[in-house]
Amino acid sequence: MLLLLLEGPAELKRLQRNGAFKPMAPGRYRLVDLVQGYVRYIRKPGASEPVSAGALAVHLGCVRSYLDKLIAMGVITKLADGRFDQDACRMAYLKHLREARKLSPRGAADVALQQAKAELVQLRVAERKATLIPGVEHEARVEAIAGVVLSALSSMPAQCAPVGDLPTRRKLERWVTDVRVGIAKTLNGIADAEDEAEAPNGTHREVRAVPARERVGV
């Protein structure tokens, strides 16, 4: 009734009896059937007689000054004789109200809320299906793997270089250092993409077994 600006349930029932639309169930209607049926009904020849501005203001539930504003905005138009097609003006006014609601902050907030609810439902479904793991558990796994890799890199020169072959050992140590620097740069790039602050001294950072979002240095 609010959508069609009907005055009460009796008018809604009258339209239903006249075949404008049919309910899905007692007291329930499909929105598209309701609107399209009402439009078809009011477009019938002789649906309503032209009315004066005062009568239209009463019909729309507004004061005369607001009606004049709607006319000036082009929302409602006059007929050639200066009167108004009440049904056409009502539909134009309904369209104006719907568009205004879409542009209102509350309307935008309602849309954002519905999107947030949908995302929350998706997350809950994924959690029930065991396709997600807690962030703390994920970080712990990454830390454990990083610790193993860094320990292996640190011990590789001593393990791989022949005993007493210092040039080979130094070469391996430089290679390990380059790999650690490369890992540090990669993680720093990820942190930059997440808007983390740059290092104040511009030095390299060491790769440690830390959460992914934490900055590292060498």
N, C-alpha and C. Protein backbone atom coordinates (compact mmCIF):
# COMPACT_ATOMS: atom_id res chain seq x y z
N MET A 1 0.82 -1.20 0.00
CA MET A 1 0.00 0.00 0.00
C MET A 1 0.86 1.26 0.00
N LEU A 2 1.97 1.22 0.74
CA LEU A 2 2.87 2.39 0.76
C LEU A 2 3.49 2.61 -0.60
N LEU A 3 3.88 1.52 -1.26
CA LEU A 3 4.51 1.64 -2.58
C LEU A 3 3.57 2.27 -3.59
N LEU A 4 2.31 1.87 -3.59
CA LEU A 4 1.34 2.38 -4.56
C LEU A 4 0.57 3.60 -4.06
N LEU A 5 0.92 4.05 -2.84
CA LEU A 5 0.24 5.20 -2.22
C LEU A 5 -1.26 4.97 -2.12
N LEU A 6 -1.63 3.78 -1.74
CA LEU A 6 -3.04 3.47 -1.52
C LEU A 6 -3.45 3.92 -0.12
N GLU A 7 -4.70 4.22 0.02
CA GLU A 7 -5.18 4.79 1.28
C GLU A 7 -5.50 3.74 2.32
N GLY A 8 -5.64 2.50 1.95
CA GLY A 8 -5.96 1.48 2.95
C GLY A 8 -6.12 0.12 2.31
N PRO A 9 -6.27 -0.93 3.13
CA PRO A 9 -6.42 -2.30 2.61
C PRO A 9 -7.62 -2.45 1.70
N ALA A 10 -8.68 -1.68 1.96
CA ALA A 10 -9.88 -1.81 1.13
C ALA A 10 -9.60 -1.47 -0.32
N GLU A 11 -8.77 -0.44 -0.55
CA GLU A 11 -8.45 -0.06 -1.92
C GLU A 11 -7.59 -1.12 -2.60
N LEU A 12 -6.68 -1.73 -1.82
CA LEU A 12 -5.87 -2.82 -2.36
C LEU A 12 -6.75 -4.00 -2.76
N LYS A 13 -7.69 -4.34 -1.91
CA LYS A 13 -8.60 -5.44 -2.22
C LYS A 13 -9.46 -5.12 -3.44
N ARG A 14 -9.88 -3.86 -3.55
CA ARG A 14 -10.69 -3.47 -4.70
C ARG A 14 -9.92 -3.68 -6.00
N LEU A 15 -8.65 -3.27 -6.02
CA LEU A 15 -7.83 -3.45 -7.21
C LEU A 15 -7.66 -4.94 -7.52
N GLN A 16 -7.52 -5.73 -6.47
CA GLN A 16 -7.36 -7.18 -6.67
C GLN A 16 -8.63 -7.78 -7.26
N ARG A 17 -9.78 -7.36 -6.75
CA ARG A 17 -11.05 -7.88 -7.28
C ARG A 17 -11.27 -7.47 -8.72
N ASN A 18 -10.76 -6.29 -9.08
CA ASN A 18 -10.93 -5.80 -10.45
C ASN A 18 -9.93 -6.42 -11.42
N GLY A 19 -9.09 -7.32 -10.91
CA GLY A 19 -8.18 -8.04 -11.78
C GLY A 19 -6.87 -7.33 -12.06
N ALA A 20 -6.54 -6.32 -11.29
CA ALA A 20 -5.28 -5.62 -11.52
C ALA A 20 -4.08 -6.53 -11.25
N PHE A 21 -4.15 -7.36 -10.24
CA PHE A 21 -3.09 -8.29 -9.90
C PHE A 21 -3.67 -9.40 -9.04
N LYS A 22 -2.87 -10.47 -8.91
CA LYS A 22 -3.28 -11.61 -8.09
C LYS A 22 -2.22 -11.84 -7.01
N PRO A 23 -2.65 -12.22 -5.81
CA PRO A 23 -1.67 -12.48 -4.74
C PRO A 23 -1.00 -13.83 -4.91
N MET A 24 0.25 -13.94 -4.42
CA MET A 24 0.95 -15.22 -4.40
C MET A 24 0.33 -16.13 -3.35
N ALA A 25 -0.04 -15.52 -2.24
CA ALA A 25 -0.67 -16.20 -1.10
C ALA A 25 -1.49 -15.13 -0.40
N PRO A 26 -2.35 -15.51 0.50
CA PRO A 26 -3.15 -14.49 1.19
C PRO A 26 -2.29 -13.40 1.82
N GLY A 27 -2.50 -12.19 1.33
CA GLY A 27 -1.75 -11.05 1.87
C GLY A 27 -0.34 -10.90 1.38
N ARG A 28 0.08 -11.69 0.35
CA ARG A 28 1.45 -11.62 -0.17
C ARG A 28 1.41 -11.46 -1.69
N TYR A 29 2.29 -10.56 -2.21
CA TYR A 29 2.28 -10.26 -3.65
C TYR A 29 3.71 -10.23 -4.17
N ARG A 30 3.87 -10.61 -5.43
CA ARG A 30 5.16 -10.41 -6.11
C ARG A 30 5.23 -8.94 -6.51
N LEU A 31 6.36 -8.31 -6.21
CA LEU A 31 6.49 -6.87 -6.44
C LEU A 31 6.27 -6.52 -7.91
N VAL A 32 6.85 -7.29 -8.81
CA VAL A 32 6.73 -6.97 -10.24
C VAL A 32 5.28 -7.10 -10.70
N ASP A 33 4.56 -8.13 -10.20
CA ASP A 33 3.15 -8.29 -10.59
C ASP A 33 2.32 -7.14 -10.04
N LEU A 34 2.64 -6.72 -8.81
CA LEU A 34 1.90 -5.64 -8.17
C LEU A 34 2.03 -4.34 -8.96
N VAL A 35 3.29 -3.97 -9.30
CA VAL A 35 3.53 -2.70 -9.98
C VAL A 35 3.02 -2.73 -11.41
N GLN A 36 3.36 -3.81 -12.14
CA GLN A 36 2.93 -3.87 -13.54
C GLN A 36 1.40 -3.96 -13.65
N GLY A 37 0.79 -4.73 -12.76
CA GLY A 37 -0.67 -4.82 -12.79
C GLY A 37 -1.33 -3.50 -12.49
N TYR A 38 -0.75 -2.77 -11.55
CA TYR A 38 -1.32 -1.46 -11.20
C TYR A 38 -1.16 -0.48 -12.36
N VAL A 39 -0.01 -0.51 -13.03
CA VAL A 39 0.20 0.38 -14.17
C VAL A 39 -0.79 0.06 -15.29
N ARG A 40 -0.96 -1.23 -15.57
CA ARG A 40 -1.93 -1.61 -16.61
C ARG A 40 -3.34 -1.16 -16.23
N TYR A 41 -3.65 -1.27 -14.96
CA TYR A 41 -5.00 -0.90 -14.51
C TYR A 41 -5.26 0.59 -14.69
N ILE A 42 -4.29 1.42 -14.30
CA ILE A 42 -4.52 2.87 -14.38
C ILE A 42 -4.42 3.38 -15.81
N ARG A 43 -3.85 2.57 -16.71
CA ARG A 43 -3.79 2.99 -18.11
C ARG A 43 -5.08 2.68 -18.88
N LYS A 44 -6.01 2.01 -18.22
CA LYS A 44 -7.28 1.72 -18.89
C LYS A 44 -8.01 3.02 -19.20
N PRO A 45 -8.70 3.07 -20.34
CA PRO A 45 -9.45 4.29 -20.67
C PRO A 45 -10.43 4.66 -19.56
N GLY A 46 -10.48 5.94 -19.23
CA GLY A 46 -11.40 6.42 -18.21
C GLY A 46 -11.01 6.02 -16.81
N ALA A 47 -9.73 5.71 -16.59
CA ALA A 47 -9.30 5.29 -15.26
C ALA A 47 -9.53 6.39 -14.25
N SER A 48 -9.29 7.61 -14.62
CA SER A 48 -9.52 8.72 -13.68
C SER A 48 -9.70 10.00 -14.47
N GLU A 49 -10.37 10.96 -13.87
CA GLU A 49 -10.59 12.26 -14.49
C GLU A 49 -9.48 13.22 -14.04
N PRO A 50 -9.13 14.19 -14.88
CA PRO A 50 -8.13 15.18 -14.46
C PRO A 50 -8.58 15.89 -13.19
N VAL A 51 -7.59 16.23 -12.35
CA VAL A 51 -7.88 16.86 -11.07
C VAL A 51 -7.13 18.18 -10.98
N SER A 52 -7.54 19.00 -10.04
CA SER A 52 -6.87 20.28 -9.80
C SER A 52 -5.60 20.06 -8.99
N ALA A 53 -4.79 21.13 -8.89
CA ALA A 53 -3.55 21.04 -8.12
C ALA A 53 -3.84 20.76 -6.65
N GLY A 54 -4.87 21.40 -6.10
CA GLY A 54 -5.21 21.17 -4.71
C GLY A 54 -5.60 19.73 -4.44
N ALA A 55 -6.43 19.17 -5.34
CA ALA A 55 -6.87 17.78 -5.17
C ALA A 55 -5.69 16.82 -5.33
N LEU A 56 -4.78 17.13 -6.24
CA LEU A 56 -3.62 16.26 -6.43
C LEU A 56 -2.71 16.30 -5.21
N ALA A 57 -2.54 17.49 -4.61
CA ALA A 57 -1.72 17.59 -3.41
C ALA A 57 -2.31 16.75 -2.28
N VAL A 58 -3.62 16.77 -2.14
CA VAL A 58 -4.27 15.94 -1.12
C VAL A 58 -4.07 14.46 -1.43
N HIS A 59 -4.20 14.10 -2.70
CA HIS A 59 -4.04 12.70 -3.10
C HIS A 59 -2.63 12.19 -2.83
N LEU A 60 -1.63 13.03 -3.07
CA LEU A 60 -0.24 12.63 -2.87
C LEU A 60 0.21 12.80 -1.42
N GLY A 61 -0.64 13.41 -0.60
CA GLY A 61 -0.30 13.59 0.81
C GLY A 61 0.77 14.62 1.05
N CYS A 62 0.78 15.70 0.25
CA CYS A 62 1.78 16.74 0.42
C CYS A 62 1.09 18.11 0.41
N VAL A 63 1.81 19.14 0.78
CA VAL A 63 1.26 20.50 0.78
C VAL A 63 1.39 21.07 -0.62
N ARG A 64 0.66 22.13 -0.87
CA ARG A 64 0.62 22.71 -2.21
C ARG A 64 1.99 23.26 -2.63
N SER A 65 2.73 23.83 -1.67
CA SER A 65 4.04 24.39 -2.01
C SER A 65 5.01 23.30 -2.48
N TYR A 66 4.92 22.12 -1.86
CA TYR A 66 5.78 21.01 -2.29
C TYR A 66 5.36 20.52 -3.67
N LEU A 67 4.07 20.52 -3.94
CA LEU A 67 3.60 20.13 -5.26
C LEU A 67 4.14 21.08 -6.32
N ASP A 68 4.14 22.38 -6.01
CA ASP A 68 4.70 23.36 -6.95
C ASP A 68 6.18 23.08 -7.20
N LYS A 69 6.89 22.64 -6.17
CA LYS A 69 8.31 22.32 -6.33
C LYS A 69 8.48 21.11 -7.25
N LEU A 70 7.62 20.12 -7.10
CA LEU A 70 7.68 18.95 -7.98
C LEU A 70 7.40 19.33 -9.41
N ILE A 71 6.48 20.26 -9.62
CA ILE A 71 6.17 20.73 -10.97
C ILE A 71 7.37 21.46 -11.56
N ALA A 72 8.01 22.32 -10.74
CA ALA A 72 9.18 23.07 -11.22
C ALA A 72 10.34 22.13 -11.56
N MET A 73 10.46 21.03 -10.82
CA MET A 73 11.53 20.05 -11.06
C MET A 73 11.24 19.16 -12.26
N GLY A 74 10.03 19.21 -12.77
CA GLY A 74 9.67 18.38 -13.91
C GLY A 74 9.23 16.98 -13.53
N VAL A 75 9.07 16.74 -12.23
CA VAL A 75 8.61 15.43 -11.79
C VAL A 75 7.16 15.23 -12.20
N ILE A 76 6.34 16.26 -12.03
CA ILE A 76 4.92 16.23 -12.37
C ILE A 76 4.64 17.28 -13.44
N THR A 77 3.86 16.91 -14.41
CA THR A 77 3.55 17.84 -15.50
C THR A 77 2.05 18.11 -15.56
N LYS A 78 1.73 19.30 -16.02
CA LYS A 78 0.33 19.70 -16.15
C LYS A 78 -0.22 19.26 -17.50
N LEU A 79 -1.53 19.10 -17.55
CA LEU A 79 -2.21 18.87 -18.82
C LEU A 79 -2.43 20.21 -19.52
N ALA A 80 -2.95 20.16 -20.72
CA ALA A 80 -3.14 21.38 -21.49
C ALA A 80 -4.10 22.35 -20.81
N ASP A 81 -5.07 21.84 -20.08
CA ASP A 81 -6.04 22.71 -19.44
C ASP A 81 -5.59 23.17 -18.04
N GLY A 82 -4.34 22.84 -17.66
CA GLY A 82 -3.84 23.27 -16.37
C GLY A 82 -4.12 22.31 -15.24
N ARG A 83 -4.90 21.26 -15.50
CA ARG A 83 -5.16 20.26 -14.48
C ARG A 83 -4.14 19.12 -14.60
N PHE A 84 -4.36 18.04 -13.84
CA PHE A 84 -3.37 16.97 -13.75
C PHE A 84 -4.02 15.61 -13.92
N ASP A 85 -3.29 14.73 -14.59
CA ASP A 85 -3.68 13.33 -14.66
C ASP A 85 -3.25 12.69 -13.35
N GLN A 86 -4.21 12.43 -12.49
CA GLN A 86 -3.90 11.98 -11.13
C GLN A 86 -3.10 10.68 -11.13
N ASP A 87 -3.48 9.72 -11.95
CA ASP A 87 -2.80 8.43 -11.97
C ASP A 87 -1.37 8.56 -12.49
N ALA A 88 -1.21 9.32 -13.60
CA ALA A 88 0.13 9.49 -14.15
C ALA A 88 1.02 10.25 -13.18
N CYS A 89 0.46 11.25 -12.50
CA CYS A 89 1.25 12.02 -11.54
C CYS A 89 1.65 11.15 -10.35
N ARG A 90 0.76 10.27 -9.93
CA ARG A 90 1.10 9.39 -8.81
C ARG A 90 2.25 8.47 -9.18
N MET A 91 2.21 7.90 -10.38
CA MET A 91 3.30 7.01 -10.81
C MET A 91 4.61 7.77 -10.94
N ALA A 92 4.54 9.02 -11.46
CA ALA A 92 5.75 9.82 -11.59
C ALA A 92 6.32 10.16 -10.21
N TYR A 93 5.43 10.43 -9.28
CA TYR A 93 5.87 10.75 -7.92
C TYR A 93 6.49 9.53 -7.24
N LEU A 94 5.92 8.35 -7.46
CA LEU A 94 6.49 7.12 -6.92
C LEU A 94 7.89 6.87 -7.48
N LYS A 95 8.04 7.09 -8.78
CA LYS A 95 9.36 6.91 -9.41
C LYS A 95 10.36 7.90 -8.82
N HIS A 96 9.92 9.13 -8.60
CA HIS A 96 10.80 10.14 -8.00
C HIS A 96 11.24 9.72 -6.59
N LEU A 97 10.33 9.19 -5.81
CA LEU A 97 10.66 8.76 -4.45
C LEU A 97 11.64 7.59 -4.47
N ARG A 98 11.45 6.64 -5.39
CA ARG A 98 12.36 5.50 -5.47
C ARG A 98 13.76 5.94 -5.85
N GLU A 99 13.87 6.84 -6.83
CA GLU A 99 15.19 7.32 -7.25
C GLU A 99 15.86 8.10 -6.13
N ALA A 100 15.09 8.89 -5.40
CA ALA A 100 15.66 9.65 -4.30
C ALA A 100 16.17 8.72 -3.21
N ARG A 101 15.47 7.63 -3.00
CA ARG A 101 15.92 6.68 -1.97
C ARG A 101 17.22 6.02 -2.37
N LYS A 102 17.38 5.70 -3.67
CA LYS A 102 18.62 5.08 -4.14
C LYS A 102 19.81 5.99 -3.91
N LEU A 103 19.61 7.30 -4.04
CA LEU A 103 20.70 8.26 -3.90
C LEU A 103 20.95 8.68 -2.46
N SER A 104 20.07 8.32 -1.55
CA SER A 104 20.21 8.77 -0.17
C SER A 104 21.30 7.97 0.54
N PRO A 105 21.97 8.57 1.54
CA PRO A 105 22.99 7.84 2.32
C PRO A 105 22.43 6.59 2.97
N ARG A 106 21.20 6.67 3.43
CA ARG A 106 20.61 5.50 4.06
C ARG A 106 20.46 4.37 3.07
N GLY A 107 20.06 4.71 1.83
CA GLY A 107 19.94 3.67 0.82
C GLY A 107 21.28 3.02 0.52
N ALA A 108 22.35 3.84 0.41
CA ALA A 108 23.69 3.30 0.18
C ALA A 108 24.13 2.44 1.35
N ALA A 109 23.80 2.88 2.57
CA ALA A 109 24.16 2.10 3.75
C ALA A 109 23.44 0.76 3.77
N ASP A 110 22.18 0.76 3.33
CA ASP A 110 21.43 -0.49 3.28
C ASP A 110 22.06 -1.47 2.29
N VAL A 111 22.49 -0.95 1.14
CA VAL A 111 23.14 -1.80 0.14
C VAL A 111 24.44 -2.37 0.69
N ALA A 112 25.25 -1.52 1.35
CA ALA A 112 26.51 -1.98 1.93
C ALA A 112 26.27 -3.04 3.00
N LEU A 113 25.22 -2.85 3.78
CA LEU A 113 24.89 -3.83 4.83
C LEU A 113 24.51 -5.17 4.22
N GLN A 114 23.72 -5.14 3.16
CA GLN A 114 23.33 -6.39 2.51
C GLN A 114 24.54 -7.10 1.92
N GLN A 115 25.47 -6.34 1.32
CA GLN A 115 26.68 -6.95 0.77
C GLN A 115 27.53 -7.57 1.86
N ALA A 116 27.66 -6.86 3.00
CA ALA A 116 28.45 -7.39 4.11
C ALA A 116 27.82 -8.67 4.65
N LYS A 117 26.50 -8.70 4.73
CA LYS A 117 25.82 -9.91 5.21
C LYS A 117 26.06 -11.07 4.25
N ALA A 118 26.02 -10.79 2.94
CA ALA A 118 26.26 -11.85 1.96
C ALA A 118 27.67 -12.40 2.08
N GLU A 119 28.66 -11.52 2.27
CA GLU A 119 30.05 -11.97 2.42
C GLU A 119 30.21 -12.80 3.69
N LEU A 120 29.53 -12.38 4.76
CA LEU A 120 29.60 -13.13 6.01
C LEU A 120 29.03 -14.53 5.84
N VAL A 121 27.92 -14.64 5.11
CA VAL A 121 27.33 -15.95 4.86
C VAL A 121 28.30 -16.83 4.07
N GLN A 122 28.96 -16.26 3.05
CA GLN A 122 29.91 -17.02 2.26
C GLN A 122 31.07 -17.52 3.11
N LEU A 123 31.56 -16.66 4.01
CA LEU A 123 32.65 -17.07 4.89
C LEU A 123 32.22 -18.20 5.83
N ARG A 124 31.00 -18.10 6.35
CA ARG A 124 30.51 -19.14 7.25
C ARG A 124 30.35 -20.47 6.52
N VAL A 125 29.87 -20.40 5.29
CA VAL A 125 29.72 -21.63 4.49
C VAL A 125 31.08 -22.26 4.23
N ALA A 126 32.06 -21.42 3.86
CA ALA A 126 33.41 -21.93 3.60
C ALA A 126 34.02 -22.53 4.87
N GLU A 127 33.74 -21.91 6.00
CA GLU A 127 34.26 -22.43 7.27
C GLU A 127 33.63 -23.78 7.59
N ARG A 128 32.33 -23.91 7.36
CA ARG A 128 31.66 -25.19 7.61
C ARG A 128 32.19 -26.28 6.69
N LYS A 129 32.55 -25.91 5.46
CA LYS A 129 33.08 -26.88 4.52
C LYS A 129 34.56 -27.19 4.76
N ALA A 130 35.14 -26.52 5.76
CA ALA A 130 36.56 -26.72 6.11
C ALA A 130 37.49 -26.31 4.98
N THR A 131 37.08 -25.32 4.20
CA THR A 131 37.96 -24.78 3.16
C THR A 131 38.73 -23.56 3.65
N LEU A 132 38.51 -23.15 4.90
CA LEU A 132 39.24 -22.05 5.50
C LEU A 132 39.92 -22.53 6.78
N ILE A 133 41.04 -21.89 7.13
CA ILE A 133 41.70 -22.17 8.39
C ILE A 133 41.91 -20.84 9.10
N PRO A 134 42.00 -20.82 10.44
CA PRO A 134 42.23 -19.56 11.16
C PRO A 134 43.53 -18.91 10.72
N GLY A 135 43.56 -17.58 10.70
CA GLY A 135 44.76 -16.85 10.29
C GLY A 135 45.95 -17.16 11.18
N VAL A 136 45.73 -17.34 12.48
CA VAL A 136 46.84 -17.65 13.40
C VAL A 136 47.48 -18.98 13.04
N GLU A 137 46.64 -19.96 12.69
CA GLU A 137 47.17 -21.27 12.32
C GLU A 137 47.97 -21.18 11.03
N HIS A 138 47.48 -20.39 10.08
CA HIS A 138 48.21 -20.22 8.82
C HIS A 138 49.57 -19.56 9.06
N GLU A 139 49.60 -18.51 9.88
CA GLU A 139 50.86 -17.83 10.16
C GLU A 139 51.85 -18.76 10.87
N ALA A 140 51.33 -19.60 11.76
CA ALA A 140 52.21 -20.54 12.45
C ALA A 140 52.86 -21.52 11.48
N ARG A 141 52.09 -21.96 10.47
CA ARG A 141 52.64 -22.87 9.47
C ARG A 141 53.72 -22.18 8.63
N VAL A 142 53.42 -20.92 8.25
CA VAL A 142 54.40 -20.19 7.45
C VAL A 142 55.68 -19.96 8.26
N GLU A 143 55.54 -19.62 9.54
CA GLU A 143 56.70 -19.40 10.39
C GLU A 143 57.55 -20.66 10.52
N ALA A 144 56.88 -21.80 10.67
CA ALA A 144 57.61 -23.06 10.82
C ALA A 144 58.40 -23.39 9.55
N ILE A 145 57.75 -23.21 8.39
CA ILE A 145 58.43 -23.49 7.12
C ILE A 145 59.59 -22.53 6.90
N ALA A 146 59.36 -21.23 7.19
CA ALA A 146 60.43 -20.24 7.02
C ALA A 146 61.61 -20.55 7.93
N GLY A 147 61.33 -20.99 9.15
CA GLY A 147 62.41 -21.33 10.08
C GLY A 147 63.27 -22.46 9.57
N VAL A 148 62.63 -23.49 9.00
CA VAL A 148 63.39 -24.62 8.45
C VAL A 148 64.26 -24.17 7.28
N VAL A 149 63.68 -23.36 6.38
CA VAL A 149 64.42 -22.91 5.19
C VAL A 149 65.61 -22.05 5.60
N LEU A 150 65.43 -21.11 6.51
CA LEU A 150 66.51 -20.22 6.91
C LEU A 150 67.61 -20.96 7.67
N SER A 151 67.23 -21.92 8.50
CA SER A 151 68.24 -22.72 9.21
C SER A 151 69.08 -23.53 8.23
N ALA A 152 68.40 -24.09 7.21
CA ALA A 152 69.13 -24.87 6.21
C ALA A 152 70.07 -23.97 5.41
N LEU A 153 69.62 -22.79 5.05
CA LEU A 153 70.49 -21.88 4.30
C LEU A 153 71.71 -21.47 5.12
N SER A 154 71.49 -21.18 6.40
CA SER A 154 72.60 -20.72 7.24
C SER A 154 73.67 -21.79 7.41
N SER A 155 73.26 -23.05 7.47
CA SER A 155 74.23 -24.13 7.69
C SER A 155 74.81 -24.70 6.40
N MET A 156 74.26 -24.30 5.25
CA MET A 156 74.71 -24.90 3.98
C MET A 156 76.19 -24.67 3.67
N PRO A 157 76.73 -23.45 3.83
CA PRO A 157 78.16 -23.28 3.50
C PRO A 157 79.06 -24.23 4.28
N ALA A 158 78.81 -24.37 5.58
CA ALA A 158 79.66 -25.26 6.38
C ALA A 158 79.45 -26.72 6.00
N GLN A 159 78.22 -27.09 5.59
CA GLN A 159 77.93 -28.47 5.25
C GLN A 159 78.45 -28.85 3.86
N CYS A 160 78.44 -27.91 2.94
CA CYS A 160 78.74 -28.23 1.54
C CYS A 160 80.20 -27.95 1.14
N ALA A 161 80.83 -26.96 1.76
CA ALA A 161 82.20 -26.62 1.37
C ALA A 161 83.18 -27.67 1.91
N PRO A 162 84.16 -28.08 1.09
CA PRO A 162 85.17 -29.03 1.57
C PRO A 162 85.91 -28.46 2.78
N VAL A 163 86.36 -29.32 3.66
CA VAL A 163 87.07 -28.89 4.86
C VAL A 163 88.35 -28.16 4.45
N GLY A 164 88.51 -26.94 4.97
CA GLY A 164 89.69 -26.15 4.68
C GLY A 164 89.61 -25.34 3.40
N ASP A 165 88.52 -25.51 2.60
CA ASP A 165 88.38 -24.77 1.34
C ASP A 165 87.62 -23.46 1.63
N LEU A 166 88.36 -22.45 2.11
CA LEU A 166 87.73 -21.19 2.48
C LEU A 166 87.12 -20.45 1.29
N PRO A 167 87.79 -20.42 0.09
CA PRO A 167 87.17 -19.70 -1.05
C PRO A 167 85.77 -20.25 -1.40
N THR A 168 85.67 -21.57 -1.41
CA THR A 168 84.36 -22.15 -1.74
C THR A 168 83.33 -21.81 -0.66
N ARG A 169 83.77 -21.88 0.59
CA ARG A 169 82.84 -21.57 1.68
C ARG A 169 82.38 -20.11 1.62
N ARG A 170 83.32 -19.19 1.33
CA ARG A 170 82.95 -17.77 1.23
C ARG A 170 81.99 -17.56 0.06
N LYS A 171 82.21 -18.26 -1.04
CA LYS A 171 81.33 -18.14 -2.20
C LYS A 171 79.92 -18.60 -1.84
N LEU A 172 79.84 -19.71 -1.13
CA LEU A 172 78.52 -20.20 -0.70
C LEU A 172 77.86 -19.24 0.28
N GLU A 173 78.66 -18.65 1.16
CA GLU A 173 78.09 -17.71 2.12
C GLU A 173 77.52 -16.48 1.41
N ARG A 174 78.23 -16.00 0.37
CA ARG A 174 77.71 -14.86 -0.40
C ARG A 174 76.42 -15.23 -1.11
N TRP A 175 76.39 -16.46 -1.65
CA TRP A 175 75.16 -16.90 -2.32
C TRP A 175 73.99 -16.97 -1.33
N VAL A 176 74.22 -17.49 -0.13
CA VAL A 176 73.18 -17.56 0.89
C VAL A 176 72.70 -16.15 1.25
N THR A 177 73.65 -15.22 1.39
CA THR A 177 73.28 -13.85 1.71
C THR A 177 72.41 -13.25 0.62
N ASP A 178 72.77 -13.50 -0.65
CA ASP A 178 71.96 -12.97 -1.76
C ASP A 178 70.55 -13.55 -1.74
N VAL A 179 70.43 -14.84 -1.41
CA VAL A 179 69.11 -15.46 -1.35
C VAL A 179 68.28 -14.83 -0.23
N ARG A 180 68.90 -14.62 0.93
CA ARG A 180 68.18 -14.03 2.06
C ARG A 180 67.74 -12.60 1.73
N VAL A 181 68.61 -11.85 1.04
CA VAL A 181 68.25 -10.49 0.64
C VAL A 181 67.08 -10.52 -0.34
N GLY A 182 67.10 -11.49 -1.28
CA GLY A 182 66.01 -11.61 -2.23
C GLY A 182 64.69 -11.93 -1.54
N ILE A 183 64.73 -12.80 -0.54
CA ILE A 183 63.51 -13.11 0.23
C ILE A 183 63.02 -11.87 0.96
N ALA A 184 63.98 -11.12 1.55
CA ALA A 184 63.61 -9.91 2.29
C ALA A 184 62.95 -8.89 1.36
N LYS A 185 63.49 -8.72 0.15
CA LYS A 185 62.90 -7.76 -0.78
C LYS A 185 61.49 -8.19 -1.19
N THR A 186 61.30 -9.49 -1.39
CA THR A 186 59.98 -9.98 -1.76
C THR A 186 58.96 -9.70 -0.66
N LEU A 187 59.33 -9.99 0.58
CA LEU A 187 58.42 -9.74 1.70
C LEU A 187 58.18 -8.25 1.89
N ASN A 188 59.22 -7.45 1.69
CA ASN A 188 59.04 -6.00 1.81
C ASN A 188 58.10 -5.47 0.72
N GLY A 189 58.18 -6.08 -0.47
CA GLY A 189 57.26 -5.69 -1.53
C GLY A 189 55.83 -6.02 -1.18
N ILE A 190 55.62 -7.19 -0.55
CA ILE A 190 54.27 -7.55 -0.10
C ILE A 190 53.79 -6.57 0.95
N ALA A 191 54.69 -6.20 1.88
CA ALA A 191 54.31 -5.24 2.93
C ALA A 191 53.98 -3.88 2.32
N ASP A 192 54.74 -3.47 1.28
CA ASP A 192 54.45 -2.20 0.62
C ASP A 192 53.07 -2.23 -0.02
N ALA A 193 52.72 -3.36 -0.62
CA ALA A 193 51.40 -3.47 -1.24
C ALA A 193 50.30 -3.40 -0.21
N GLU A 194 50.61 -3.73 1.04
CA GLU A 194 49.63 -3.67 2.12
C GLU A 194 49.72 -2.36 2.88
N ASP A 195 50.44 -1.35 2.27
CA ASP A 195 50.56 -0.01 2.86
C ASP A 195 51.34 -0.01 4.17
N GLU A 196 52.32 -0.91 4.29
CA GLU A 196 53.20 -0.87 5.46
C GLU A 196 54.19 0.27 5.28
N ALA A 197 54.71 0.82 6.38
CA ALA A 197 55.66 1.92 6.32
C ALA A 197 57.03 1.43 5.86
N GLU A 198 57.78 2.30 5.16
CA GLU A 198 59.12 1.97 4.72
C GLU A 198 60.09 2.00 5.90
N ALA A 199 61.23 1.31 5.75
CA ALA A 199 62.26 1.34 6.79
C ALA A 199 62.84 2.75 6.88
N PRO A 200 62.99 3.29 8.07
CA PRO A 200 63.49 4.66 8.20
C PRO A 200 64.91 4.84 7.71
N ASN A 201 65.76 3.79 7.81
CA ASN A 201 67.17 3.93 7.41
C ASN A 201 67.44 3.36 6.03
N GLY A 202 66.48 2.76 5.39
CA GLY A 202 66.65 2.26 4.04
C GLY A 202 67.53 1.03 3.94
N THR A 203 67.89 0.40 5.05
CA THR A 203 68.75 -0.78 5.01
C THR A 203 67.95 -2.02 4.70
N HIS A 204 68.69 -3.09 4.37
CA HIS A 204 68.02 -4.37 4.15
C HIS A 204 67.48 -4.89 5.47
N ARG A 205 66.62 -5.86 5.40
CA ARG A 205 66.03 -6.41 6.61
C ARG A 205 66.17 -7.92 6.60
N GLU A 206 66.31 -8.46 7.75
CA GLU A 206 66.56 -9.88 7.84
C GLU A 206 65.26 -10.66 7.83
N VAL A 207 65.27 -11.78 7.09
CA VAL A 207 64.10 -12.64 7.03
C VAL A 207 64.11 -13.52 8.26
N ARG A 208 63.05 -13.40 9.07
CA ARG A 208 62.91 -14.21 10.27
C ARG A 208 61.59 -14.96 10.20
N ALA A 209 61.43 -15.90 11.10
CA ALA A 209 60.17 -16.64 11.16
C ALA A 209 59.14 -15.76 11.86
N VAL A 210 58.48 -14.88 11.08
CA VAL A 210 57.55 -13.91 11.63
C VAL A 210 56.28 -13.94 10.82
N PRO A 211 55.19 -13.35 11.34
CA PRO A 211 53.96 -13.25 10.52
C PRO A 211 54.21 -12.52 9.22
N ALA A 212 53.44 -12.84 8.22
CA ALA A 212 53.65 -12.32 6.86
C ALA A 212 53.58 -10.82 6.80
N ARG A 213 52.74 -10.16 7.64
CA ARG A 213 52.56 -8.72 7.56
C ARG A 213 53.67 -7.95 8.26
N GLU A 214 54.54 -8.64 9.03
CA GLU A 214 55.58 -7.93 9.77
C GLU A 214 56.75 -7.64 8.86
N ARG A 215 57.29 -6.42 8.92
CA ARG A 215 58.43 -6.05 8.11
C ARG A 215 59.66 -6.81 8.56
N VAL A 216 60.58 -7.08 7.62
CA VAL A 216 61.76 -7.86 7.93
C VAL A 216 63.01 -7.09 7.50
N GLY A 217 64.15 -7.45 8.04
CA GLY A 217 65.40 -6.79 7.68
C GLY A 217 66.55 -7.76 7.64
N VAL A 218 67.58 -7.39 6.92
CA VAL A 218 68.79 -8.21 6.81
C VAL A 218 69.95 -7.42 7.37
